[in-house]
Amino acid sequence: MTAETTTVYKVSGMTCGHCEGAVTSELSELPGVTSVKAVASTGQVTVVSEAPLDEAAVRAAVDEAGYELVGTA
């Protein structure tokens, strides 16, 4: 079994549960992602994946959801 990678991203613009759902939905579609937990109050999105993710792909998914990836926390 391969070790999973957990990365915490900082996302600006999330204000409610709907925001969390939108970001979670987009990031969950990335290949290899096994779990996403978005917290609007902190702006942190914890992503667990089978391998490190390409930050450009994460940025594009967050952008698609209508928010901005600030970077890793």
PDB file of N, CA and C in Angstrom:
ATOM      1  N   MET A   1       0.842  -1.186   0.000  1.00  0.00           N
ATOM      2  CA  MET A   1       0.000   0.000   0.000  1.00  0.00           C
ATOM      3  C   MET A   1       0.889   1.252   0.000  1.00  0.00           C
ATOM      4  N   THR A   2       0.531   2.208  -0.837  1.00  0.00           N
ATOM      5  CA  THR A   2       1.306   3.431  -0.908  1.00  0.00           C
ATOM      6  C   THR A   2       0.832   4.404   0.162  1.00  0.00           C
ATOM      7  N   ALA A   3       1.734   5.212   0.637  1.00  0.00           N
ATOM      8  CA  ALA A   3       1.380   6.216   1.644  1.00  0.00           C
ATOM      9  C   ALA A   3       0.609   7.340   0.970  1.00  0.00           C
ATOM     10  N   GLU A   4      -0.414   7.807   1.649  1.00  0.00           N
ATOM     11  CA  GLU A   4      -1.186   8.912   1.102  1.00  0.00           C
ATOM     12  C   GLU A   4      -0.509  10.236   1.465  1.00  0.00           C
ATOM     13  N   THR A   5      -0.814  11.239   0.693  1.00  0.00           N
ATOM     14  CA  THR A   5      -0.278  12.571   0.917  1.00  0.00           C
ATOM     15  C   THR A   5      -1.402  13.471   1.420  1.00  0.00           C
ATOM     16  N   THR A   6      -1.152  14.186   2.512  1.00  0.00           N
ATOM     17  CA  THR A   6      -2.131  15.144   3.020  1.00  0.00           C
ATOM     18  C   THR A   6      -1.552  16.537   2.862  1.00  0.00           C
ATOM     19  N   THR A   7      -2.302  17.402   2.188  1.00  0.00           N
ATOM     20  CA  THR A   7      -1.860  18.775   1.971  1.00  0.00           C
ATOM     21  C   THR A   7      -2.962  19.713   2.423  1.00  0.00           C
ATOM     22  N   VAL A   8      -2.589  20.759   3.137  1.00  0.00           N
ATOM     23  CA  VAL A   8      -3.566  21.763   3.561  1.00  0.00           C
ATOM     24  C   VAL A   8      -3.349  23.010   2.719  1.00  0.00           C
ATOM     25  N   TYR A   9      -4.403  23.409   2.024  1.00  0.00           N
ATOM     26  CA  TYR A   9      -4.353  24.594   1.175  1.00  0.00           C
ATOM     27  C   TYR A   9      -5.114  25.729   1.842  1.00  0.00           C
ATOM     28  N   LYS A  10      -4.725  26.945   1.526  1.00  0.00           N
ATOM     29  CA  LYS A  10      -5.429  28.129   2.009  1.00  0.00           C
ATOM     30  C   LYS A  10      -6.218  28.680   0.831  1.00  0.00           C
ATOM     31  N   VAL A  11      -7.542  28.819   1.030  1.00  0.00           N
ATOM     32  CA  VAL A  11      -8.418  29.288  -0.036  1.00  0.00           C
ATOM     33  C   VAL A  11      -9.161  30.518   0.461  1.00  0.00           C
ATOM     34  N   SER A  12      -9.153  31.586  -0.333  1.00  0.00           N
ATOM     35  CA  SER A  12      -9.871  32.788   0.075  1.00  0.00           C
ATOM     36  C   SER A  12     -11.223  32.849  -0.621  1.00  0.00           C
ATOM     37  N   GLY A  13     -12.199  33.420   0.078  1.00  0.00           N
ATOM     38  CA  GLY A  13     -13.520  33.636  -0.507  1.00  0.00           C
ATOM     39  C   GLY A  13     -14.602  32.714   0.015  1.00  0.00           C
ATOM     40  N   MET A  14     -14.246  31.655   0.732  1.00  0.00           N
ATOM     41  CA  MET A  14     -15.266  30.752   1.272  1.00  0.00           C
ATOM     42  C   MET A  14     -15.897  31.392   2.501  1.00  0.00           C
ATOM     43  N   THR A  15     -17.235  31.422   2.532  1.00  0.00           N
ATOM     44  CA  THR A  15     -17.915  32.049   3.667  1.00  0.00           C
ATOM     45  C   THR A  15     -18.967  31.165   4.322  1.00  0.00           C
ATOM     46  N   CYS A  16     -19.338  30.071   3.673  1.00  0.00           N
ATOM     47  CA  CYS A  16     -20.438  29.267   4.218  1.00  0.00           C
ATOM     48  C   CYS A  16     -20.314  27.797   3.797  1.00  0.00           C
ATOM     49  N   GLY A  17     -21.263  27.015   4.229  1.00  0.00           N
ATOM     50  CA  GLY A  17     -21.288  25.602   3.890  1.00  0.00           C
ATOM     51  C   GLY A  17     -21.401  25.356   2.397  1.00  0.00           C
ATOM     52  N   HIS A  18     -22.133  26.224   1.708  1.00  0.00           N
ATOM     53  CA  HIS A  18     -22.262  26.067   0.255  1.00  0.00           C
ATOM     54  C   HIS A  18     -20.897  26.239  -0.407  1.00  0.00           C
ATOM     55  N   CYS A  19     -20.128  27.219   0.089  1.00  0.00           N
ATOM     56  CA  CYS A  19     -18.779  27.445  -0.437  1.00  0.00           C
ATOM     57  C   CYS A  19     -17.919  26.206  -0.238  1.00  0.00           C
ATOM     58  N   GLU A  20     -17.989  25.656   0.967  1.00  0.00           N
ATOM     59  CA  GLU A  20     -17.224  24.443   1.280  1.00  0.00           C
ATOM     60  C   GLU A  20     -17.592  23.326   0.319  1.00  0.00           C
ATOM     61  N   GLY A  21     -18.876  23.186   0.053  1.00  0.00           N
ATOM     62  CA  GLY A  21     -19.351  22.136  -0.849  1.00  0.00           C
ATOM     63  C   GLY A  21     -18.850  22.313  -2.264  1.00  0.00           C
ATOM     64  N   ALA A  22     -18.831  23.571  -2.733  1.00  0.00           N
ATOM     65  CA  ALA A  22     -18.382  23.849  -4.098  1.00  0.00           C
ATOM     66  C   ALA A  22     -16.902  23.501  -4.255  1.00  0.00           C
ATOM     67  N   VAL A  23     -16.091  23.918  -3.295  1.00  0.00           N
ATOM     68  CA  VAL A  23     -14.649  23.640  -3.349  1.00  0.00           C
ATOM     69  C   VAL A  23     -14.399  22.143  -3.218  1.00  0.00           C
ATOM     70  N   THR A  24     -15.107  21.505  -2.276  1.00  0.00           N
ATOM     71  CA  THR A  24     -14.957  20.060  -2.069  1.00  0.00           C
ATOM     72  C   THR A  24     -15.311  19.293  -3.337  1.00  0.00           C
ATOM     73  N   SER A  25     -16.396  19.689  -3.970  1.00  0.00           N
ATOM     74  CA  SER A  25     -16.858  19.011  -5.178  1.00  0.00           C
ATOM     75  C   SER A  25     -15.819  19.090  -6.293  1.00  0.00           C
ATOM     76  N   GLU A  26     -15.286  20.285  -6.538  1.00  0.00           N
ATOM     77  CA  GLU A  26     -14.303  20.451  -7.616  1.00  0.00           C
ATOM     78  C   GLU A  26     -13.011  19.680  -7.327  1.00  0.00           C
ATOM     79  N   LEU A  27     -12.519  19.784  -6.088  1.00  0.00           N
ATOM     80  CA  LEU A  27     -11.255  19.118  -5.762  1.00  0.00           C
ATOM     81  C   LEU A  27     -11.404  17.600  -5.740  1.00  0.00           C
ATOM     82  N   SER A  28     -12.592  17.121  -5.387  1.00  0.00           N
ATOM     83  CA  SER A  28     -12.822  15.672  -5.337  1.00  0.00           C
ATOM     84  C   SER A  28     -12.716  15.032  -6.714  1.00  0.00           C
ATOM     85  N   GLU A  29     -12.886  15.838  -7.768  1.00  0.00           N
ATOM     86  CA  GLU A  29     -12.838  15.316  -9.136  1.00  0.00           C
ATOM     87  C   GLU A  29     -11.406  15.138  -9.642  1.00  0.00           C
ATOM     88  N   LEU A  30     -10.424  15.686  -8.926  1.00  0.00           N
ATOM     89  CA  LEU A  30      -9.039  15.536  -9.379  1.00  0.00           C
ATOM     90  C   LEU A  30      -8.599  14.080  -9.232  1.00  0.00           C
ATOM     91  N   PRO A  31      -7.832  13.570 -10.192  1.00  0.00           N
ATOM     92  CA  PRO A  31      -7.366  12.178 -10.120  1.00  0.00           C
ATOM     93  C   PRO A  31      -6.527  11.935  -8.872  1.00  0.00           C
ATOM     94  N   GLY A  32      -6.813  10.848  -8.172  1.00  0.00           N
ATOM     95  CA  GLY A  32      -6.020  10.462  -7.016  1.00  0.00           C
ATOM     96  C   GLY A  32      -6.495  11.020  -5.684  1.00  0.00           C
ATOM     97  N   VAL A  33      -7.439  11.976  -5.721  1.00  0.00           N
ATOM     98  CA  VAL A  33      -7.926  12.569  -4.467  1.00  0.00           C
ATOM     99  C   VAL A  33      -8.843  11.574  -3.772  1.00  0.00           C
ATOM    100  N   THR A  34      -8.561  11.315  -2.496  1.00  0.00           N
ATOM    101  CA  THR A  34      -9.384  10.361  -1.741  1.00  0.00           C
ATOM    102  C   THR A  34     -10.283  11.052  -0.719  1.00  0.00           C
ATOM    103  N   SER A  35      -9.927  12.272  -0.306  1.00  0.00           N
ATOM    104  CA  SER A  35     -10.774  12.981   0.638  1.00  0.00           C
ATOM    105  C   SER A  35     -10.472  14.462   0.621  1.00  0.00           C
ATOM    106  N   VAL A  36     -11.535  15.269   0.820  1.00  0.00           N
ATOM    107  CA  VAL A  36     -11.401  16.730   0.862  1.00  0.00           C
ATOM    108  C   VAL A  36     -12.216  17.239   2.027  1.00  0.00           C
ATOM    109  N   LYS A  37     -11.621  18.100   2.848  1.00  0.00           N
ATOM    110  CA  LYS A  37     -12.365  18.723   3.934  1.00  0.00           C
ATOM    111  C   LYS A  37     -12.098  20.219   3.889  1.00  0.00           C
ATOM    112  N   ALA A  38     -13.140  20.982   3.533  1.00  0.00           N
ATOM    113  CA  ALA A  38     -13.032  22.436   3.453  1.00  0.00           C
ATOM    114  C   ALA A  38     -13.679  23.058   4.684  1.00  0.00           C
ATOM    115  N   VAL A  39     -13.016  24.052   5.254  1.00  0.00           N
ATOM    116  CA  VAL A  39     -13.550  24.758   6.426  1.00  0.00           C
ATOM    117  C   VAL A  39     -13.589  26.244   6.092  1.00  0.00           C
ATOM    118  N   ALA A  40     -14.799  26.772   5.891  1.00  0.00           N
ATOM    119  CA  ALA A  40     -14.949  28.169   5.475  1.00  0.00           C
ATOM    120  C   ALA A  40     -14.420  29.136   6.524  1.00  0.00           C
ATOM    121  N   SER A  41     -14.624  28.844   7.794  1.00  0.00           N
ATOM    122  CA  SER A  41     -14.235  29.779   8.852  1.00  0.00           C
ATOM    123  C   SER A  41     -12.734  30.027   8.909  1.00  0.00           C
ATOM    124  N   THR A  42     -11.939  29.034   8.498  1.00  0.00           N
ATOM    125  CA  THR A  42     -10.477  29.183   8.528  1.00  0.00           C
ATOM    126  C   THR A  42      -9.906  29.366   7.124  1.00  0.00           C
ATOM    127  N   GLY A  43     -10.692  29.038   6.099  1.00  0.00           N
ATOM    128  CA  GLY A  43     -10.203  29.122   4.729  1.00  0.00           C
ATOM    129  C   GLY A  43      -9.273  27.972   4.378  1.00  0.00           C
ATOM    130  N   GLN A  44      -9.239  26.955   5.250  1.00  0.00           N
ATOM    131  CA  GLN A  44      -8.331  25.841   4.996  1.00  0.00           C
ATOM    132  C   GLN A  44      -9.069  24.678   4.338  1.00  0.00           C
ATOM    133  N   VAL A  45      -8.399  24.090   3.373  1.00  0.00           N
ATOM    134  CA  VAL A  45      -8.931  22.921   2.677  1.00  0.00           C
ATOM    135  C   VAL A  45      -7.881  21.820   2.793  1.00  0.00           C
ATOM    136  N   THR A  46      -8.251  20.743   3.469  1.00  0.00           N
ATOM    137  CA  THR A  46      -7.341  19.616   3.642  1.00  0.00           C
ATOM    138  C   THR A  46      -7.657  18.575   2.580  1.00  0.00           C
ATOM    139  N   VAL A  47      -6.663  18.241   1.782  1.00  0.00           N
ATOM    140  CA  VAL A  47      -6.847  17.288   0.688  1.00  0.00           C
ATOM    141  C   VAL A  47      -5.943  16.084   0.931  1.00  0.00           C
ATOM    142  N   VAL A  48      -6.552  14.902   0.918  1.00  0.00           N
ATOM    143  CA  VAL A  48      -5.793  13.660   1.024  1.00  0.00           C
ATOM    144  C   VAL A  48      -5.801  13.024  -0.366  1.00  0.00           C
ATOM    145  N   SER A  49      -4.608  12.675  -0.851  1.00  0.00           N
ATOM    146  CA  SER A  49      -4.506  12.103  -2.192  1.00  0.00           C
ATOM    147  C   SER A  49      -3.490  10.968  -2.202  1.00  0.00           C
ATOM    148  N   GLU A  50      -3.564  10.167  -3.258  1.00  0.00           N
ATOM    149  CA  GLU A  50      -2.683   9.012  -3.389  1.00  0.00           C
ATOM    150  C   GLU A  50      -1.246   9.437  -3.658  1.00  0.00           C
ATOM    151  N   ALA A  51      -1.061  10.617  -4.210  1.00  0.00           N
ATOM    152  CA  ALA A  51       0.266  11.150  -4.516  1.00  0.00           C
ATOM    153  C   ALA A  51       0.173  12.668  -4.437  1.00  0.00           C
ATOM    154  N   PRO A  52       1.300  13.359  -4.318  1.00  0.00           N
ATOM    155  CA  PRO A  52       1.246  14.828  -4.291  1.00  0.00           C
ATOM    156  C   PRO A  52       0.537  15.365  -5.530  1.00  0.00           C
ATOM    157  N   LEU A  53      -0.282  16.365  -5.345  1.00  0.00           N
ATOM    158  CA  LEU A  53      -1.052  16.934  -6.452  1.00  0.00           C
ATOM    159  C   LEU A  53      -0.282  18.064  -7.111  1.00  0.00           C
ATOM    160  N   ASP A  54      -0.567  18.268  -8.382  1.00  0.00           N
ATOM    161  CA  ASP A  54       0.002  19.378  -9.125  1.00  0.00           C
ATOM    162  C   ASP A  54      -0.717  20.647  -8.666  1.00  0.00           C
ATOM    163  N   GLU A  55       0.023  21.610  -8.138  1.00  0.00           N
ATOM    164  CA  GLU A  55      -0.626  22.812  -7.608  1.00  0.00           C
ATOM    165  C   GLU A  55      -1.431  23.551  -8.665  1.00  0.00           C
ATOM    166  N   ALA A  56      -0.991  23.503  -9.912  1.00  0.00           N
ATOM    167  CA  ALA A  56      -1.738  24.164 -10.987  1.00  0.00           C
ATOM    168  C   ALA A  56      -3.121  23.534 -11.146  1.00  0.00           C
ATOM    169  N   ALA A  57      -3.200  22.212 -10.987  1.00  0.00           N
ATOM    170  CA  ALA A  57      -4.485  21.517 -11.103  1.00  0.00           C
ATOM    171  C   ALA A  57      -5.392  21.888  -9.923  1.00  0.00           C
ATOM    172  N   VAL A  58      -4.798  21.978  -8.736  1.00  0.00           N
ATOM    173  CA  VAL A  58      -5.566  22.368  -7.549  1.00  0.00           C
ATOM    174  C   VAL A  58      -6.065  23.795  -7.724  1.00  0.00           C
ATOM    175  N   ARG A  59      -5.194  24.678  -8.186  1.00  0.00           N
ATOM    176  CA  ARG A  59      -5.564  26.080  -8.406  1.00  0.00           C
ATOM    177  C   ARG A  59      -6.710  26.188  -9.411  1.00  0.00           C
ATOM    178  N   ALA A  60      -6.631  25.411 -10.475  1.00  0.00           N
ATOM    179  CA  ALA A  60      -7.671  25.435 -11.511  1.00  0.00           C
ATOM    180  C   ALA A  60      -9.010  24.952 -10.952  1.00  0.00           C
ATOM    181  N   ALA A  61      -8.972  23.913 -10.113  1.00  0.00           N
ATOM    182  CA  ALA A  61     -10.210  23.381  -9.530  1.00  0.00           C
ATOM    183  C   ALA A  61     -10.834  24.384  -8.568  1.00  0.00           C
ATOM    184  N   VAL A  62     -10.010  25.023  -7.748  1.00  0.00           N
ATOM    185  CA  VAL A  62     -10.509  26.031  -6.805  1.00  0.00           C
ATOM    186  C   VAL A  62     -11.070  27.224  -7.580  1.00  0.00           C
ATOM    187  N   ASP A  63     -10.371  27.617  -8.650  1.00  0.00           N
ATOM    188  CA  ASP A  63     -10.809  28.717  -9.503  1.00  0.00           C
ATOM    189  C   ASP A  63     -12.152  28.386 -10.143  1.00  0.00           C
ATOM    190  N   GLU A  64     -12.307  27.142 -10.589  1.00  0.00           N
ATOM    191  CA  GLU A  64     -13.552  26.673 -11.207  1.00  0.00           C
ATOM    192  C   GLU A  64     -14.710  26.784 -10.230  1.00  0.00           C
ATOM    193  N   ALA A  65     -14.413  26.554  -8.942  1.00  0.00           N
ATOM    194  CA  ALA A  65     -15.453  26.651  -7.914  1.00  0.00           C
ATOM    195  C   ALA A  65     -15.777  28.101  -7.573  1.00  0.00           C
ATOM    196  N   GLY A  66     -14.941  29.031  -8.054  1.00  0.00           N
ATOM    197  CA  GLY A  66     -15.198  30.445  -7.833  1.00  0.00           C
ATOM    198  C   GLY A  66     -14.429  31.063  -6.680  1.00  0.00           C
ATOM    199  N   TYR A  67     -13.348  30.408  -6.287  1.00  0.00           N
ATOM    200  CA  TYR A  67     -12.555  30.903  -5.158  1.00  0.00           C
ATOM    201  C   TYR A  67     -11.094  31.000  -5.560  1.00  0.00           C
ATOM    202  N   GLU A  68     -10.271  31.509  -4.671  1.00  0.00           N
ATOM    203  CA  GLU A  68      -8.871  31.708  -5.012  1.00  0.00           C
ATOM    204  C   GLU A  68      -7.961  30.897  -4.104  1.00  0.00           C
ATOM    205  N   LEU A  69      -7.075  30.130  -4.729  1.00  0.00           N
ATOM    206  CA  LEU A  69      -6.075  29.383  -3.978  1.00  0.00           C
ATOM    207  C   LEU A  69      -4.970  30.352  -3.584  1.00  0.00           C
ATOM    208  N   VAL A  70      -4.767  30.531  -2.286  1.00  0.00           N
ATOM    209  CA  VAL A  70      -3.741  31.441  -1.800  1.00  0.00           C
ATOM    210  C   VAL A  70      -2.398  30.721  -1.754  1.00  0.00           C
ATOM    211  N   GLY A  71      -2.427  29.440  -1.421  1.00  0.00           N
ATOM    212  CA  GLY A  71      -1.209  28.642  -1.331  1.00  0.00           C
ATOM    213  C   GLY A  71      -1.417  27.519  -0.345  1.00  0.00           C
ATOM    214  N   THR A  72      -0.320  26.930   0.090  1.00  0.00           N
ATOM    215  CA  THR A  72      -0.423  25.877   1.091  1.00  0.00           C
ATOM    216  C   THR A  72      -0.323  26.510   2.468  1.00  0.00           C
ATOM    217  N   ALA A  73      -1.039  25.939   3.413  1.00  0.00           N
ATOM    218  CA  ALA A  73      -1.077  26.522   4.757  1.00  0.00           C
ATOM    219  C   ALA A  73       0.137  26.125   5.552  1.00  0.00           C
TER     220      ALA A  73
END
